[in-house]
């Protein structure tokens, strides 16, 4: 087995390496020579370089001329001879306690910005506005009582609409039948529209009273015009279909609020009147919107009863028809008289 050339070459190299390398060479830490192995392969006769011993790094650290943490005795003596400066502004009852999240005699960190401060301020303004604390008790209670019928008709409209939809989907109503809810809804329509026309006329008439009393001076036709235009816009809405009448009254209420706000700015009304009118207009406007939403849910399931305009048209048509019948009767009577005269 060992007669071939390759095994003999390997054994020979190992024998020469162990014989020529003394044991003390591996134990000497200061050796700077690179150890080279004579072990060769069959395909190449070049020697392989052995890894540098790990102890070389420790040897270099031990042979450095100066340590890395050398103490500067001269600077320490200079600092020790300096006199400490008094800082009474940093001395307090807690100055000897080191803070956990900060440093002594350093400016405190500014608190984080409160992101909800603006929302809380807006909510406070809204609550102060709706409190109406500056409004006298008489107009406060009477005004709030005046918007209750409007709010009641709006909520009733929404309930009737729900009953109609419930009866259409299930075949039976909850507290009343779908037909009864539809009839009740048709009763609520003229009540809400008529009451809205009355309120708009009343808001315009307030300016006539202020002009009579001379509040803020006498302004003549400028102030009287408000009381004239308000009912002129309000009462024709009762002839419109319910949806169009509610939208027209919504616009009229908002225009009157704008007029009252301008009058308050000019000093024509008391100081509390602007906020008072805003709250009442907000409640009435919300009621109208609720009514429109409720009616919009039952457009497909709601039958339409004849409105005031339809009744006026029917009256006009009936009058024309009666005139035609009277004319035909008159002509027939005249013809009969002529026949009788001819027969005589």
C-alpha atoms as a PDB file:
ATOM      1  CA  UNK A   1       0.000   0.000   0.000  1.00  0.00           C
ATOM      2  CA  UNK A   2       2.831   2.456   0.793  1.00  0.00           C
ATOM      3  CA  UNK A   3       4.815   1.610  -2.337  1.00  0.00           C
ATOM      4  CA  UNK A   4       3.037   4.260  -4.477  1.00  0.00           C
ATOM      5  CA  UNK A   5       4.519   7.724  -4.835  1.00  0.00           C
ATOM      6  CA  UNK A   6       1.714   9.800  -3.235  1.00  0.00           C
ATOM      7  CA  UNK A   7       1.636   8.162   0.256  1.00  0.00           C
ATOM      8  CA  UNK A   8       5.412   8.268   0.426  1.00  0.00           C
ATOM      9  CA  UNK A   9       5.443  12.015  -0.342  1.00  0.00           C
ATOM     10  CA  UNK A  10       2.899  12.757   2.422  1.00  0.00           C
ATOM     11  CA  UNK A  11       4.753  10.729   5.058  1.00  0.00           C
ATOM     12  CA  UNK A  12       8.029  12.287   4.088  1.00  0.00           C
ATOM     13  CA  UNK A  13       6.774  15.820   4.463  1.00  0.00           C
ATOM     14  CA  UNK A  14       5.326  15.087   7.912  1.00  0.00           C
ATOM     15  CA  UNK A  15       8.566  13.529   9.052  1.00  0.00           C
ATOM     16  CA  UNK A  16      10.692  16.482   7.908  1.00  0.00           C
ATOM     17  CA  UNK A  17       8.310  19.002   9.510  1.00  0.00           C
ATOM     18  CA  UNK A  18       8.392  17.327  12.896  1.00  0.00           C
ATOM     19  CA  UNK A  19      12.139  16.923  12.770  1.00  0.00           C
ATOM     20  CA  UNK A  20      13.149  20.411  11.706  1.00  0.00           C
ATOM     21  CA  UNK A  21      10.696  22.471  13.834  1.00  0.00           C
ATOM     22  CA  UNK A  22      11.628  22.679  17.509  1.00  0.00           C
ATOM     23  CA  UNK A  23       8.863  22.608  20.125  1.00  0.00           C
ATOM     24  CA  UNK A  24       9.970  25.883  21.666  1.00  0.00           C
ATOM     25  CA  UNK A  25       9.115  27.744  18.467  1.00  0.00           C
ATOM     26  CA  UNK A  26       5.367  27.228  19.044  1.00  0.00           C
ATOM     27  CA  UNK A  27       5.623  28.397  22.664  1.00  0.00           C
ATOM     28  CA  UNK A  28       7.532  31.634  22.018  1.00  0.00           C
ATOM     29  CA  UNK A  29       5.002  34.528  22.055  1.00  0.00           C
ATOM     30  CA  UNK A  30       7.409  37.135  20.671  1.00  0.00           C
ATOM     31  CA  UNK A  31       8.140  35.211  17.489  1.00  0.00           C
ATOM     32  CA  UNK A  32       7.475  37.452  14.515  1.00  0.00           C
ATOM     33  CA  UNK A  33       8.180  34.905  11.834  1.00  0.00           C
ATOM     34  CA  UNK A  34       5.278  33.432   9.930  1.00  0.00           C
ATOM     35  CA  UNK A  35       4.902  29.702  10.321  1.00  0.00           C
ATOM     36  CA  UNK A  36       4.825  27.884   6.967  1.00  0.00           C
ATOM     37  CA  UNK A  37       3.735  24.294   6.640  1.00  0.00           C
ATOM     38  CA  UNK A  38       5.622  21.913   4.361  1.00  0.00           C
ATOM     39  CA  UNK A  39       2.500  19.855   3.799  1.00  0.00           C
ATOM     40  CA  UNK A  40       1.811  19.894   0.079  1.00  0.00           C
ATOM     41  CA  UNK A  41      -0.804  18.461  -2.184  1.00  0.00           C
ATOM     42  CA  UNK A  42      -0.376  16.242  -5.181  1.00  0.00           C
ATOM     43  CA  UNK A  43      -1.459  18.957  -7.664  1.00  0.00           C
ATOM     44  CA  UNK A  44       0.696  21.809  -6.349  1.00  0.00           C
ATOM     45  CA  UNK A  45       4.061  22.029  -4.666  1.00  0.00           C
ATOM     46  CA  UNK A  46       3.421  25.524  -3.130  1.00  0.00           C
ATOM     47  CA  UNK A  47       3.226  25.589   0.676  1.00  0.00           C
ATOM     48  CA  UNK A  48      -0.014  26.709   2.472  1.00  0.00           C
ATOM     49  CA  UNK A  49       0.294  29.683   4.885  1.00  0.00           C
ATOM     50  CA  UNK A  50      -0.738  28.907   8.450  1.00  0.00           C
ATOM     51  CA  UNK A  51      -3.000  31.311  10.463  1.00  0.00           C
ATOM     52  CA  UNK A  52      -1.284  33.934  12.652  1.00  0.00           C
ATOM     53  CA  UNK A  53      -1.307  32.928  16.326  1.00  0.00           C
ATOM     54  CA  UNK A  54      -4.012  34.582  18.521  1.00  0.00           C
ATOM     55  CA  UNK A  55      -1.409  35.564  21.093  1.00  0.00           C
ATOM     56  CA  UNK A  56       0.136  38.126  18.693  1.00  0.00           C
ATOM     57  CA  UNK A  57      -2.598  40.698  19.516  1.00  0.00           C
ATOM     58  CA  UNK A  58      -1.861  40.409  23.255  1.00  0.00           C
ATOM     59  CA  UNK A  59       1.848  40.746  22.593  1.00  0.00           C
ATOM     60  CA  UNK A  60       1.359  43.974  20.648  1.00  0.00           C
ATOM     61  CA  UNK A  61      -0.855  45.396  23.467  1.00  0.00           C
ATOM     62  CA  UNK A  62       1.842  44.573  26.051  1.00  0.00           C
ATOM     63  CA  UNK A  63       4.637  46.182  23.972  1.00  0.00           C
ATOM     64  CA  UNK A  64       2.881  49.604  23.552  1.00  0.00           C
ATOM     65  CA  UNK A  65       4.954  52.444  24.919  1.00  0.00           C
ATOM     66  CA  UNK A  66       2.048  54.390  26.635  1.00  0.00           C
ATOM     67  CA  UNK A  67      -1.173  53.058  28.194  1.00  0.00           C
ATOM     68  CA  UNK A  68      -4.449  54.208  26.679  1.00  0.00           C
ATOM     69  CA  UNK A  69      -5.835  55.516  30.013  1.00  0.00           C
ATOM     70  CA  UNK A  70      -2.886  57.630  31.073  1.00  0.00           C
ATOM     71  CA  UNK A  71      -3.798  60.086  33.857  1.00  0.00           C
ATOM     72  CA  UNK A  72      -2.940  63.768  33.327  1.00  0.00           C
ATOM     73  CA  UNK A  73      -1.665  64.660  36.807  1.00  0.00           C
ATOM     74  CA  UNK A  74      -0.940  68.283  35.902  1.00  0.00           C
ATOM     75  CA  UNK A  75      -4.496  68.975  34.672  1.00  0.00           C
ATOM     76  CA  UNK A  76      -5.996  67.292  37.723  1.00  0.00           C
ATOM     77  CA  UNK A  77      -3.907  69.467  40.022  1.00  0.00           C
ATOM     78  CA  UNK A  78      -4.995  72.592  38.124  1.00  0.00           C
ATOM     79  CA  UNK A  79      -8.690  71.689  38.407  1.00  0.00           C
ATOM     80  CA  UNK A  80      -8.278  70.862  42.101  1.00  0.00           C
ATOM     81  CA  UNK A  81      -6.877  74.338  42.851  1.00  0.00           C
ATOM     82  CA  UNK A  82      -9.779  76.159  41.176  1.00  0.00           C
ATOM     83  CA  UNK A  83     -12.455  77.708  43.406  1.00  0.00           C
ATOM     84  CA  UNK A  84     -16.025  76.531  42.925  1.00  0.00           C
ATOM     85  CA  UNK A  85     -18.466  79.181  41.632  1.00  0.00           C
ATOM     86  CA  UNK A  86     -21.597  79.782  43.678  1.00  0.00           C
ATOM     87  CA  UNK A  87     -24.901  79.180  41.826  1.00  0.00           C
ATOM     88  CA  UNK A  88     -27.689  79.963  44.299  1.00  0.00           C
ATOM     89  CA  UNK A  89     -30.349  79.938  41.571  1.00  0.00           C
ATOM     90  CA  UNK A  90     -29.892  76.185  41.185  1.00  0.00           C
ATOM     91  CA  UNK A  91     -30.123  75.460  44.924  1.00  0.00           C
ATOM     92  CA  UNK A  92     -33.554  74.349  46.127  1.00  0.00           C
ATOM     93  CA  UNK A  93     -35.173  71.816  48.375  1.00  0.00           C
ATOM     94  CA  UNK A  94     -34.822  69.183  45.704  1.00  0.00           C
ATOM     95  CA  UNK A  95     -31.510  70.230  44.145  1.00  0.00           C
ATOM     96  CA  UNK A  96     -29.636  67.441  45.894  1.00  0.00           C
ATOM     97  CA  UNK A  97     -31.927  64.839  44.353  1.00  0.00           C
ATOM     98  CA  UNK A  98     -30.966  63.874  40.844  1.00  0.00           C
ATOM     99  CA  UNK A  99     -33.994  63.749  38.560  1.00  0.00           C
ATOM    100  CA  UNK A 100     -34.666  60.546  36.749  1.00  0.00           C
ATOM    101  CA  UNK A 101     -35.774  62.038  33.424  1.00  0.00           C
ATOM    102  CA  UNK A 102     -33.727  65.248  33.374  1.00  0.00           C
ATOM    103  CA  UNK A 103     -30.643  67.090  34.566  1.00  0.00           C
ATOM    104  CA  UNK A 104     -30.010  69.643  37.275  1.00  0.00           C
ATOM    105  CA  UNK A 105     -29.927  73.339  36.242  1.00  0.00           C
ATOM    106  CA  UNK A 106     -31.251  72.568  32.781  1.00  0.00           C
ATOM    107  CA  UNK A 107     -34.416  74.100  31.310  1.00  0.00           C
ATOM    108  CA  UNK A 108     -37.448  71.931  31.763  1.00  0.00           C
ATOM    109  CA  UNK A 109     -38.913  70.325  28.708  1.00  0.00           C
ATOM    110  CA  UNK A 110     -41.973  72.090  27.353  1.00  0.00           C
ATOM    111  CA  UNK A 111     -45.184  70.119  27.834  1.00  0.00           C
ATOM    112  CA  UNK A 112     -46.681  68.470  24.809  1.00  0.00           C
ATOM    113  CA  UNK A 113     -49.238  70.456  22.854  1.00  0.00           C
ATOM    114  CA  UNK A 114     -52.789  69.630  23.888  1.00  0.00           C
ATOM    115  CA  UNK A 115     -54.446  68.556  20.648  1.00  0.00           C
ATOM    116  CA  UNK A 116     -57.917  68.597  22.223  1.00  0.00           C
ATOM    117  CA  UNK A 117     -57.695  72.165  23.534  1.00  0.00           C
ATOM    118  CA  UNK A 118     -59.262  73.640  20.401  1.00  0.00           C
ATOM    119  CA  UNK A 119     -62.140  71.149  20.440  1.00  0.00           C
ATOM    120  CA  UNK A 120     -62.826  71.819  24.120  1.00  0.00           C
ATOM    121  CA  UNK A 121     -62.812  75.555  23.455  1.00  0.00           C
ATOM    122  CA  UNK A 122     -65.318  75.112  20.608  1.00  0.00           C
ATOM    123  CA  UNK A 123     -67.561  72.932  22.767  1.00  0.00           C
ATOM    124  CA  UNK A 124     -67.441  75.535  25.532  1.00  0.00           C
ATOM    125  CA  UNK A 125     -68.457  78.251  23.059  1.00  0.00           C
ATOM    126  CA  UNK A 126     -71.363  76.118  21.794  1.00  0.00           C
ATOM    127  CA  UNK A 127     -72.603  75.424  25.343  1.00  0.00           C
ATOM    128  CA  UNK A 128     -72.386  79.094  26.272  1.00  0.00           C
ATOM    129  CA  UNK A 129     -74.289  80.012  23.098  1.00  0.00           C
ATOM    130  CA  UNK A 130     -77.144  77.558  23.686  1.00  0.00           C
ATOM    131  CA  UNK A 131     -77.377  78.413  27.376  1.00  0.00           C
ATOM    132  CA  UNK A 132     -78.939  81.825  26.493  1.00  0.00           C
ATOM    133  CA  UNK A 133     -77.975  83.161  29.904  1.00  0.00           C
ATOM    134  CA  UNK A 134     -78.361  86.785  28.800  1.00  0.00           C
ATOM    135  CA  UNK A 135     -81.910  86.320  27.464  1.00  0.00           C
ATOM    136  CA  UNK A 136     -84.712  87.529  29.773  1.00  0.00           C
ATOM    137  CA  UNK A 137     -86.877  84.693  31.137  1.00  0.00           C
ATOM    138  CA  UNK A 138     -90.123  85.747  29.401  1.00  0.00           C
ATOM    139  CA  UNK A 139     -88.885  85.560  25.782  1.00  0.00           C
ATOM    140  CA  UNK A 140     -86.707  82.585  26.663  1.00  0.00           C
ATOM    141  CA  UNK A 141     -89.562  80.350  27.857  1.00  0.00           C
ATOM    142  CA  UNK A 142     -92.100  81.591  25.313  1.00  0.00           C
ATOM    143  CA  UNK A 143     -89.626  81.201  22.441  1.00  0.00           C
ATOM    144  CA  UNK A 144     -88.727  77.662  23.443  1.00  0.00           C
ATOM    145  CA  UNK A 145     -92.401  76.799  23.818  1.00  0.00           C
ATOM    146  CA  UNK A 146     -93.016  78.246  20.341  1.00  0.00           C
ATOM    147  CA  UNK A 147     -90.647  75.795  18.623  1.00  0.00           C
ATOM    148  CA  UNK A 148     -92.126  72.722  20.349  1.00  0.00           C
ATOM    149  CA  UNK A 149     -95.079  72.353  17.899  1.00  0.00           C
ATOM    150  CA  UNK A 150     -92.668  72.539  14.979  1.00  0.00           C
ATOM    151  CA  UNK A 151     -90.408  69.910  16.529  1.00  0.00           C
ATOM    152  CA  UNK A 152     -93.397  67.699  17.422  1.00  0.00           C
ATOM    153  CA  UNK A 153     -94.747  67.709  13.869  1.00  0.00           C
ATOM    154  CA  UNK A 154     -91.301  66.851  12.507  1.00  0.00           C
ATOM    155  CA  UNK A 155     -90.837  63.881  14.828  1.00  0.00           C
ATOM    156  CA  UNK A 156     -94.391  62.737  14.078  1.00  0.00           C
ATOM    157  CA  UNK A 157     -93.627  62.899  10.362  1.00  0.00           C
ATOM    158  CA  UNK A 158     -90.588  60.664  10.834  1.00  0.00           C
ATOM    159  CA  UNK A 159     -92.612  58.165  12.889  1.00  0.00           C
ATOM    160  CA  UNK A 160     -95.432  58.022  10.337  1.00  0.00           C
ATOM    161  CA  UNK A 161     -92.872  57.462   7.590  1.00  0.00           C
ATOM    162  CA  UNK A 162     -91.393  54.587   9.584  1.00  0.00           C
ATOM    163  CA  UNK A 163     -94.838  53.065  10.105  1.00  0.00           C
ATOM    164  CA  UNK A 164     -95.596  53.277   6.370  1.00  0.00           C
ATOM    165  CA  UNK A 165     -92.314  51.571   5.454  1.00  0.00           C
ATOM    166  CA  UNK A 166     -92.789  48.953   8.169  1.00  0.00           C
ATOM    167  CA  UNK A 167     -96.284  48.123   6.953  1.00  0.00           C
ATOM    168  CA  UNK A 168     -95.089  47.982   3.330  1.00  0.00           C
ATOM    169  CA  UNK A 169     -92.275  45.526   4.185  1.00  0.00           C
ATOM    170  CA  UNK A 170     -94.040  43.295   6.748  1.00  0.00           C
ATOM    171  CA  UNK A 171     -97.699  43.731   5.793  1.00  0.00           C
ATOM    172  CA  UNK A 172     -98.715  45.004   9.238  1.00  0.00           C
ATOM    173  CA  UNK A 173     -97.983  48.200  11.183  1.00  0.00           C
ATOM    174  CA  UNK A 174     -96.424  48.505  14.635  1.00  0.00           C
ATOM    175  CA  UNK A 175     -98.879  50.804  16.462  1.00  0.00           C
ATOM    176  CA  UNK A 176    -101.095  51.710  13.511  1.00  0.00           C
ATOM    177  CA  UNK A 177    -101.749  50.459  10.026  1.00  0.00           C
ATOM    178  CA  UNK A 178     -99.943  51.843   7.020  1.00  0.00           C
ATOM    179  CA  UNK A 179    -103.136  53.474   5.745  1.00  0.00           C
ATOM    180  CA  UNK A 180    -103.732  55.211   9.097  1.00  0.00           C
ATOM    181  CA  UNK A 181    -100.132  56.451   9.191  1.00  0.00           C
ATOM    182  CA  UNK A 182    -100.513  57.824   5.673  1.00  0.00           C
ATOM    183  CA  UNK A 183    -103.698  59.697   6.599  1.00  0.00           C
ATOM    184  CA  UNK A 184    -102.024  61.083   9.725  1.00  0.00           C
ATOM    185  CA  UNK A 185     -99.058  62.228   7.653  1.00  0.00           C
ATOM    186  CA  UNK A 186    -101.415  64.116   5.330  1.00  0.00           C
ATOM    187  CA  UNK A 187    -102.927  65.805   8.397  1.00  0.00           C
ATOM    188  CA  UNK A 188     -99.474  66.857   9.648  1.00  0.00           C
ATOM    189  CA  UNK A 189     -98.513  68.484   6.340  1.00  0.00           C
ATOM    190  CA  UNK A 190    -100.837  71.529   6.517  1.00  0.00           C
ATOM    191  CA  UNK A 191    -100.280  71.866  10.273  1.00  0.00           C
ATOM    192  CA  UNK A 192     -96.507  72.199   9.958  1.00  0.00           C
ATOM    193  CA  UNK A 193     -96.609  74.405   6.869  1.00  0.00           C
ATOM    194  CA  UNK A 194     -99.331  76.656   8.271  1.00  0.00           C
ATOM    195  CA  UNK A 195     -97.574  76.993  11.630  1.00  0.00           C
ATOM    196  CA  UNK A 196     -94.333  77.866   9.845  1.00  0.00           C
ATOM    197  CA  UNK A 197     -96.098  80.630   7.912  1.00  0.00           C
ATOM    198  CA  UNK A 198     -97.473  82.034  11.182  1.00  0.00           C
ATOM    199  CA  UNK A 199     -94.014  82.029  12.842  1.00  0.00           C
ATOM    200  CA  UNK A 200     -92.365  83.753   9.865  1.00  0.00           C
ATOM    201  CA  UNK A 201     -95.061  86.463   9.901  1.00  0.00           C
ATOM    202  CA  UNK A 202     -94.595  86.905  13.659  1.00  0.00           C
ATOM    203  CA  UNK A 203     -90.820  87.333  13.307  1.00  0.00           C
ATOM    204  CA  UNK A 204     -91.388  90.087  10.780  1.00  0.00           C
ATOM    205  CA  UNK A 205     -93.991  91.787  12.985  1.00  0.00           C
ATOM    206  CA  UNK A 206     -91.422  92.084  15.810  1.00  0.00           C
ATOM    207  CA  UNK A 207     -89.686  94.841  13.857  1.00  0.00           C
ATOM    208  CA  UNK A 208     -92.926  96.812  13.660  1.00  0.00           C
ATOM    209  CA  UNK A 209     -93.127  96.693  17.469  1.00  0.00           C
ATOM    210  CA  UNK A 210     -89.496  97.808  17.814  1.00  0.00           C
ATOM    211  CA  UNK A 211     -90.199 100.687  15.420  1.00  0.00           C
ATOM    212  CA  UNK A 212     -93.265 101.727  17.424  1.00  0.00           C
ATOM    213  CA  UNK A 213     -91.216 101.643  20.647  1.00  0.00           C
ATOM    214  CA  UNK A 214     -88.383 103.596  19.013  1.00  0.00           C
ATOM    215  CA  UNK A 215     -85.761 101.029  20.064  1.00  0.00           C
ATOM    216  CA  UNK A 216     -82.496 102.091  18.452  1.00  0.00           C
ATOM    217  CA  UNK A 217     -84.194 105.118  16.929  1.00  0.00           C
ATOM    218  CA  UNK A 218     -86.897 105.502  14.314  1.00  0.00           C
ATOM    219  CA  UNK A 219     -85.950 104.158  10.879  1.00  0.00           C
ATOM    220  CA  UNK A 220     -89.232 104.372   9.013  1.00  0.00           C
ATOM    221  CA  UNK A 221     -89.834 102.220   5.946  1.00  0.00           C
ATOM    222  CA  UNK A 222     -86.546 100.312   6.300  1.00  0.00           C
ATOM    223  CA  UNK A 223     -87.789  98.610   9.441  1.00  0.00           C
ATOM    224  CA  UNK A 224     -91.433  98.396   8.352  1.00  0.00           C
ATOM    225  CA  UNK A 225     -90.362  96.600   5.164  1.00  0.00           C
ATOM    226  CA  UNK A 226     -89.127  93.635   7.199  1.00  0.00           C
ATOM    227  CA  UNK A 227     -92.601  93.136   8.680  1.00  0.00           C
ATOM    228  CA  UNK A 228     -94.214  93.393   5.239  1.00  0.00           C
ATOM    229  CA  UNK A 229     -91.891  91.102   3.263  1.00  0.00           C
ATOM    230  CA  UNK A 230     -91.938  88.273   5.857  1.00  0.00           C
ATOM    231  CA  UNK A 231     -95.673  87.407   5.561  1.00  0.00           C
ATOM    232  CA  UNK A 232     -95.636  88.104   1.836  1.00  0.00           C
ATOM    233  CA  UNK A 233     -93.068  85.287   1.477  1.00  0.00           C
ATOM    234  CA  UNK A 234     -94.549  82.966   4.113  1.00  0.00           C
ATOM    235  CA  UNK A 235     -98.213  82.656   3.201  1.00  0.00           C
ATOM    236  CA  UNK A 236     -97.892  81.708  -0.485  1.00  0.00           C
ATOM    237  CA  UNK A 237     -95.960  78.603   0.637  1.00  0.00           C
ATOM    238  CA  UNK A 238     -99.217  76.999   1.850  1.00  0.00           C
ATOM    239  CA  UNK A 239    -100.256  76.667  -1.803  1.00  0.00           C
ATOM    240  CA  UNK A 240     -97.140  74.685  -2.722  1.00  0.00           C
ATOM    241  CA  UNK A 241     -96.626  70.924  -2.405  1.00  0.00           C
ATOM    242  CA  UNK A 242     -95.349  69.868   1.010  1.00  0.00           C
ATOM    243  CA  UNK A 243     -91.714  69.372   0.026  1.00  0.00           C
ATOM    244  CA  UNK A 244     -91.428  72.671  -1.835  1.00  0.00           C
ATOM    245  CA  UNK A 245     -93.260  74.514   0.940  1.00  0.00           C
ATOM    246  CA  UNK A 246     -90.854  73.209   3.606  1.00  0.00           C
ATOM    247  CA  UNK A 247     -87.797  74.132   1.532  1.00  0.00           C
ATOM    248  CA  UNK A 248     -89.178  77.639   0.894  1.00  0.00           C
ATOM    249  CA  UNK A 249     -89.850  78.158   4.603  1.00  0.00           C
ATOM    250  CA  UNK A 250     -86.383  76.888   5.476  1.00  0.00           C
ATOM    251  CA  UNK A 251     -84.873  79.559   3.244  1.00  0.00           C
ATOM    252  CA  UNK A 252     -87.229  82.188   4.677  1.00  0.00           C
ATOM    253  CA  UNK A 253     -86.213  81.375   8.275  1.00  0.00           C
ATOM    254  CA  UNK A 254     -82.529  81.661   7.403  1.00  0.00           C
ATOM    255  CA  UNK A 255     -82.988  84.954   5.546  1.00  0.00           C
ATOM    256  CA  UNK A 256     -84.899  86.368   8.514  1.00  0.00           C
ATOM    257  CA  UNK A 257     -82.086  85.301  10.844  1.00  0.00           C
ATOM    258  CA  UNK A 258     -79.591  87.094   8.609  1.00  0.00           C
ATOM    259  CA  UNK A 259     -81.797  90.191   8.680  1.00  0.00           C
ATOM    260  CA  UNK A 260     -82.090  90.074  12.475  1.00  0.00           C
ATOM    261  CA  UNK A 261     -78.320  89.643  12.825  1.00  0.00           C
ATOM    262  CA  UNK A 262     -77.793  92.745  10.685  1.00  0.00           C
ATOM    263  CA  UNK A 263     -80.374  94.633  12.720  1.00  0.00           C
ATOM    264  CA  UNK A 264     -78.568  93.632  15.911  1.00  0.00           C
ATOM    265  CA  UNK A 265     -75.307  94.957  14.450  1.00  0.00           C
ATOM    266  CA  UNK A 266     -76.955  98.303  13.680  1.00  0.00           C
ATOM    267  CA  UNK A 267     -78.424  98.517  17.185  1.00  0.00           C
ATOM    268  CA  UNK A 268     -82.052  98.046  16.107  1.00  0.00           C
ATOM    269  CA  UNK A 269     -82.607  95.099  18.508  1.00  0.00           C
ATOM    270  CA  UNK A 270     -81.502  94.197  22.070  1.00  0.00           C
ATOM    271  CA  UNK A 271     -77.993  92.832  22.557  1.00  0.00           C
ATOM    272  CA  UNK A 272     -79.243  89.294  23.289  1.00  0.00           C
ATOM    273  CA  UNK A 273     -81.568  89.080  20.303  1.00  0.00           C
ATOM    274  CA  UNK A 274     -78.970  87.819  17.797  1.00  0.00           C
ATOM    275  CA  UNK A 275     -77.997  84.724  19.816  1.00  0.00           C
ATOM    276  CA  UNK A 276     -81.632  84.143  20.748  1.00  0.00           C
ATOM    277  CA  UNK A 277     -82.680  84.107  17.108  1.00  0.00           C
ATOM    278  CA  UNK A 278     -79.776  81.833  16.181  1.00  0.00           C
ATOM    279  CA  UNK A 279     -80.859  79.138  18.642  1.00  0.00           C
ATOM    280  CA  UNK A 280     -84.519  79.288  17.586  1.00  0.00           C
ATOM    281  CA  UNK A 281     -83.599  79.227  13.889  1.00  0.00           C
ATOM    282  CA  UNK A 282     -81.320  76.242  14.504  1.00  0.00           C
ATOM    283  CA  UNK A 283     -84.145  74.240  16.143  1.00  0.00           C
ATOM    284  CA  UNK A 284     -86.672  75.138  13.431  1.00  0.00           C
ATOM    285  CA  UNK A 285     -84.196  74.442  10.611  1.00  0.00           C
ATOM    286  CA  UNK A 286     -83.297  71.064  12.101  1.00  0.00           C
ATOM    287  CA  UNK A 287     -87.003  70.231  12.375  1.00  0.00           C
ATOM    288  CA  UNK A 288     -87.582  71.049   8.709  1.00  0.00           C
ATOM    289  CA  UNK A 289     -84.623  68.909   7.666  1.00  0.00           C
ATOM    290  CA  UNK A 290     -85.959  66.006   9.772  1.00  0.00           C
ATOM    291  CA  UNK A 291     -89.361  66.331   8.103  1.00  0.00           C
ATOM    292  CA  UNK A 292     -87.834  66.326   4.629  1.00  0.00           C
ATOM    293  CA  UNK A 293     -85.762  63.240   5.455  1.00  0.00           C
ATOM    294  CA  UNK A 294     -88.817  61.423   6.783  1.00  0.00           C
ATOM    295  CA  UNK A 295     -90.912  62.266   3.722  1.00  0.00           C
ATOM    296  CA  UNK A 296     -88.061  61.243   1.447  1.00  0.00           C
ATOM    297  CA  UNK A 297     -88.184  57.718   2.870  1.00  0.00           C
ATOM    298  CA  UNK A 298     -91.817  57.148   1.810  1.00  0.00           C
ATOM    299  CA  UNK A 299     -91.983  58.797  -1.600  1.00  0.00           C
ATOM    300  CA  UNK A 300     -92.671  55.480  -3.344  1.00  0.00           C
ATOM    301  CA  UNK A 301     -95.196  54.213  -0.771  1.00  0.00           C
ATOM    302  CA  UNK A 302     -97.046  57.471  -0.152  1.00  0.00           C
ATOM    303  CA  UNK A 303    -100.217  58.436  -1.954  1.00  0.00           C
ATOM    304  CA  UNK A 304    -100.749  62.096  -2.707  1.00  0.00           C
ATOM    305  CA  UNK A 305    -103.824  63.932  -1.480  1.00  0.00           C
ATOM    306  CA  UNK A 306    -105.002  67.092  -3.267  1.00  0.00           C
ATOM    307  CA  UNK A 307    -103.247  70.139  -1.906  1.00  0.00           C
ATOM    308  CA  UNK A 308    -104.453  73.732  -1.666  1.00  0.00           C
ATOM    309  CA  UNK A 309    -103.357  74.486  -5.224  1.00  0.00           C
ATOM    310  CA  UNK A 310    -105.195  71.403  -6.469  1.00  0.00           C
ATOM    311  CA  UNK A 311    -108.311  72.491  -4.635  1.00  0.00           C
ATOM    312  CA  UNK A 312    -108.088  75.986  -6.135  1.00  0.00           C
ATOM    313  CA  UNK A 313    -107.720  74.479  -9.597  1.00  0.00           C
ATOM    314  CA  UNK A 314    -110.654  72.145  -8.994  1.00  0.00           C
ATOM    315  CA  UNK A 315    -112.759  75.099  -7.810  1.00  0.00           C
ATOM    316  CA  UNK A 316    -111.897  77.066 -10.928  1.00  0.00           C
ATOM    317  CA  UNK A 317    -112.730  74.104 -13.170  1.00  0.00           C
ATOM    318  CA  UNK A 318    -116.022  73.574 -11.373  1.00  0.00           C
ATOM    319  CA  UNK A 319    -116.901  77.227 -11.794  1.00  0.00           C
ATOM    320  CA  UNK A 320    -116.207  77.056 -15.530  1.00  0.00           C
ATOM    321  CA  UNK A 321    -118.282  73.875 -15.790  1.00  0.00           C
ATOM    322  CA  UNK A 322    -121.194  75.439 -13.898  1.00  0.00           C
ATOM    323  CA  UNK A 323    -121.095  78.513 -16.121  1.00  0.00           C
ATOM    324  CA  UNK A 324    -121.257  76.287 -19.190  1.00  0.00           C
ATOM    325  CA  UNK A 325    -124.244  74.415 -17.750  1.00  0.00           C
ATOM    326  CA  UNK A 326    -125.992  77.688 -16.915  1.00  0.00           C
ATOM    327  CA  UNK A 327    -125.370  78.948 -20.416  1.00  0.00           C
ATOM    328  CA  UNK A 328    -126.725  75.735 -21.940  1.00  0.00           C
ATOM    329  CA  UNK A 329    -129.818  75.945 -19.719  1.00  0.00           C
ATOM    330  CA  UNK A 330    -130.378  79.569 -20.694  1.00  0.00           C
ATOM    331  CA  UNK A 331    -130.101  78.734 -24.386  1.00  0.00           C
ATOM    332  CA  UNK A 332    -132.505  75.821 -23.992  1.00  0.00           C
ATOM    333  CA  UNK A 333    -135.009  77.996 -22.155  1.00  0.00           C
ATOM    334  CA  UNK A 334    -134.802  80.715 -24.810  1.00  0.00           C
ATOM    335  CA  UNK A 335    -135.364  78.131 -27.557  1.00  0.00           C
ATOM    336  CA  UNK A 336    -138.375  76.732 -25.714  1.00  0.00           C
ATOM    337  CA  UNK A 337    -139.925  80.190 -25.398  1.00  0.00           C
ATOM    338  CA  UNK A 338    -139.446  80.797 -29.100  1.00  0.00           C
ATOM    339  CA  UNK A 339    -141.173  77.488 -29.910  1.00  0.00           C
ATOM    340  CA  UNK A 340    -144.122  78.385 -27.687  1.00  0.00           C
ATOM    341  CA  UNK A 341    -144.484  81.784 -29.320  1.00  0.00           C
ATOM    342  CA  UNK A 342    -144.400  80.215 -32.797  1.00  0.00           C
ATOM    343  CA  UNK A 343    -147.069  77.690 -31.841  1.00  0.00           C
ATOM    344  CA  UNK A 344    -149.457  80.406 -30.679  1.00  0.00           C
END
